Amino acid sequence: QVQLVESGGTLVQPGKSLRLSCTASGILFSIFTMGWYRQAPGKERELVAGITPGGTPTYVDSVKGRFAISRDNAKKMVYLEMNSLKPEDTAVYYCNARYGGARDYWGQGTQVTVSS
């Protein structure tokens, strides 16, 4: 049974930092491309950051220079370090694991609220 469990979401003030974690089980983690998506109220889900099995990251333009994605294959975990948070970063953040076209798994999401 595949499970992706996110943690770390909370209420945080603008300008502060937050680290999200995602723990995977039931998959051969090291071969999966991992990603963090987010969905704000009334908006479509968007890819925030992705990381290949080899560790190459990609980011949406709006978070470049502020967010950093990383992975620990031994622990089957992926992280999203978020700095200089803005109110527009408020969303539910989802962990995703993808391999090829048929294996696509999602976590349940964790709420990040950026507000003073």
Protein backbone atom coordinates (compact mmCIF):
# COMPACT_ATOMS: atom_id res chain seq x y z
CA GLN A 1 0.00 0.00 0.00
CA VAL A 2 1.43 3.33 -1.11
CA GLN A 3 1.35 6.18 1.38
CA LEU A 4 2.66 9.72 1.21
CA VAL A 5 2.32 11.62 4.48
CA GLU A 6 3.01 15.33 4.64
CA SER A 7 3.80 17.28 7.77
CA GLY A 8 4.97 20.72 8.82
CA GLY A 9 2.14 22.93 7.63
CA THR A 10 1.03 25.64 10.02
CA LEU A 11 0.22 29.32 10.40
CA VAL A 12 3.30 31.50 9.90
CA GLN A 13 3.93 35.22 9.62
CA PRO A 14 5.05 36.82 6.36
CA GLY A 15 8.80 36.76 5.93
CA LYS A 16 9.25 33.70 8.10
CA SER A 17 10.42 30.24 7.13
CA LEU A 18 8.82 26.82 7.21
CA ARG A 19 9.91 23.31 6.33
CA LEU A 20 7.52 20.72 4.95
CA SER A 21 8.30 17.03 5.05
CA CYS A 22 6.85 14.09 3.17
CA THR A 23 7.41 10.48 4.16
CA ALA A 24 6.82 7.79 1.57
CA SER A 25 6.10 4.12 2.05
CA GLY A 26 5.13 1.29 -0.25
CA ILE A 27 7.20 2.51 -3.21
CA LEU A 28 10.75 2.13 -4.46
CA PHE A 29 11.35 5.74 -3.50
CA SER A 30 14.70 6.20 -5.21
CA ILE A 31 13.31 5.80 -8.72
CA PHE A 32 10.42 8.23 -8.33
CA THR A 33 10.36 11.87 -9.27
CA MET A 34 9.04 13.70 -6.23
CA GLY A 35 7.14 16.95 -6.24
CA TRP A 36 5.42 19.49 -4.07
CA TYR A 37 2.21 20.96 -5.41
CA ARG A 38 -0.08 23.51 -3.86
CA GLN A 39 -3.68 24.55 -4.25
CA ALA A 40 -5.06 27.83 -3.00
CA PRO A 41 -8.80 28.44 -2.58
CA GLY A 42 -10.44 28.99 -5.94
CA LYS A 43 -7.27 28.16 -7.86
CA GLU A 44 -5.97 25.14 -9.70
CA ARG A 45 -3.34 22.91 -8.21
CA GLU A 46 0.14 23.95 -9.36
CA LEU A 47 3.56 22.37 -9.26
CA VAL A 48 5.75 24.30 -6.84
CA ALA A 49 8.93 22.24 -6.97
CA GLY A 50 10.08 18.90 -8.26
CA ILE A 51 13.17 16.78 -7.82
CA THR A 52 14.37 13.94 -10.01
CA PRO A 53 15.66 10.62 -8.69
CA GLY A 54 19.17 11.99 -9.22
CA GLY A 55 18.45 15.11 -7.20
CA THR A 56 17.95 17.75 -9.90
CA PRO A 57 15.42 20.34 -8.71
CA THR A 58 12.97 22.50 -10.63
CA TYR A 59 10.84 25.36 -9.36
CA VAL A 60 7.94 27.47 -10.43
CA ASP A 61 9.10 31.04 -11.07
CA SER A 62 7.18 32.47 -8.13
CA VAL A 63 9.25 30.54 -5.57
CA LYS A 64 12.69 30.56 -7.18
CA GLY A 65 15.26 31.85 -4.73
CA ARG A 66 12.92 31.35 -1.77
CA PHE A 67 12.07 27.64 -1.74
CA ALA A 68 14.37 24.63 -1.84
CA ILE A 69 13.37 21.03 -2.44
CA SER A 70 15.54 18.14 -1.30
CA ARG A 71 15.27 14.40 -0.85
CA ASP A 72 16.75 11.68 1.33
CA ASN A 73 16.43 8.39 -0.50
CA ALA A 74 17.60 6.37 2.49
CA LYS A 75 14.83 7.80 4.66
CA LYS A 76 12.29 7.90 1.81
CA MET A 77 11.62 11.54 2.52
CA VAL A 78 11.31 14.72 0.51
CA TYR A 79 11.45 18.19 1.99
CA LEU A 80 10.41 21.67 0.99
CA GLU A 81 12.26 24.48 2.70
CA MET A 82 10.26 27.68 2.34
CA ASN A 83 11.83 31.03 3.13
CA SER A 84 10.61 34.62 2.92
CA LEU A 85 7.05 33.39 2.91
CA LYS A 86 4.37 35.61 1.44
CA PRO A 87 0.59 35.65 1.95
CA GLU A 88 0.23 34.38 -1.62
CA ASP A 89 2.04 31.21 -0.59
CA THR A 90 -1.02 30.28 1.46
CA ALA A 91 -2.37 26.97 0.17
CA VAL A 92 -2.72 23.30 0.85
CA TYR A 93 0.60 21.70 -0.07
CA TYR A 94 0.60 18.19 -1.51
CA CYS A 95 3.41 15.70 -1.89
CA ASN A 96 3.51 13.76 -5.18
CA ALA A 97 5.44 10.72 -6.34
CA ARG A 98 5.57 9.93 -10.03
CA TYR A 99 7.19 7.21 -12.12
CA GLY A 100 6.44 6.88 -15.79
CA GLY A 101 2.90 7.48 -16.89
CA ALA A 102 1.10 4.98 -14.74
CA ARG A 103 2.43 5.48 -11.22
CA ASP A 104 1.25 8.73 -9.75
CA TYR A 105 0.62 9.03 -6.01
CA TRP A 106 -0.54 11.86 -3.78
CA GLY A 107 -0.50 12.69 -0.10
CA GLN A 108 -3.45 14.09 1.78
CA GLY A 109 -2.05 17.62 1.95
CA THR A 110 -0.91 19.98 4.66
CA GLN A 111 -2.20 23.52 5.16
CA VAL A 112 0.22 26.43 5.04
CA THR A 113 -1.20 29.80 6.00
CA VAL A 114 0.93 32.92 5.75
CA SER A 115 -0.66 35.76 7.66
CA SER A 116 0.17 38.36 10.25
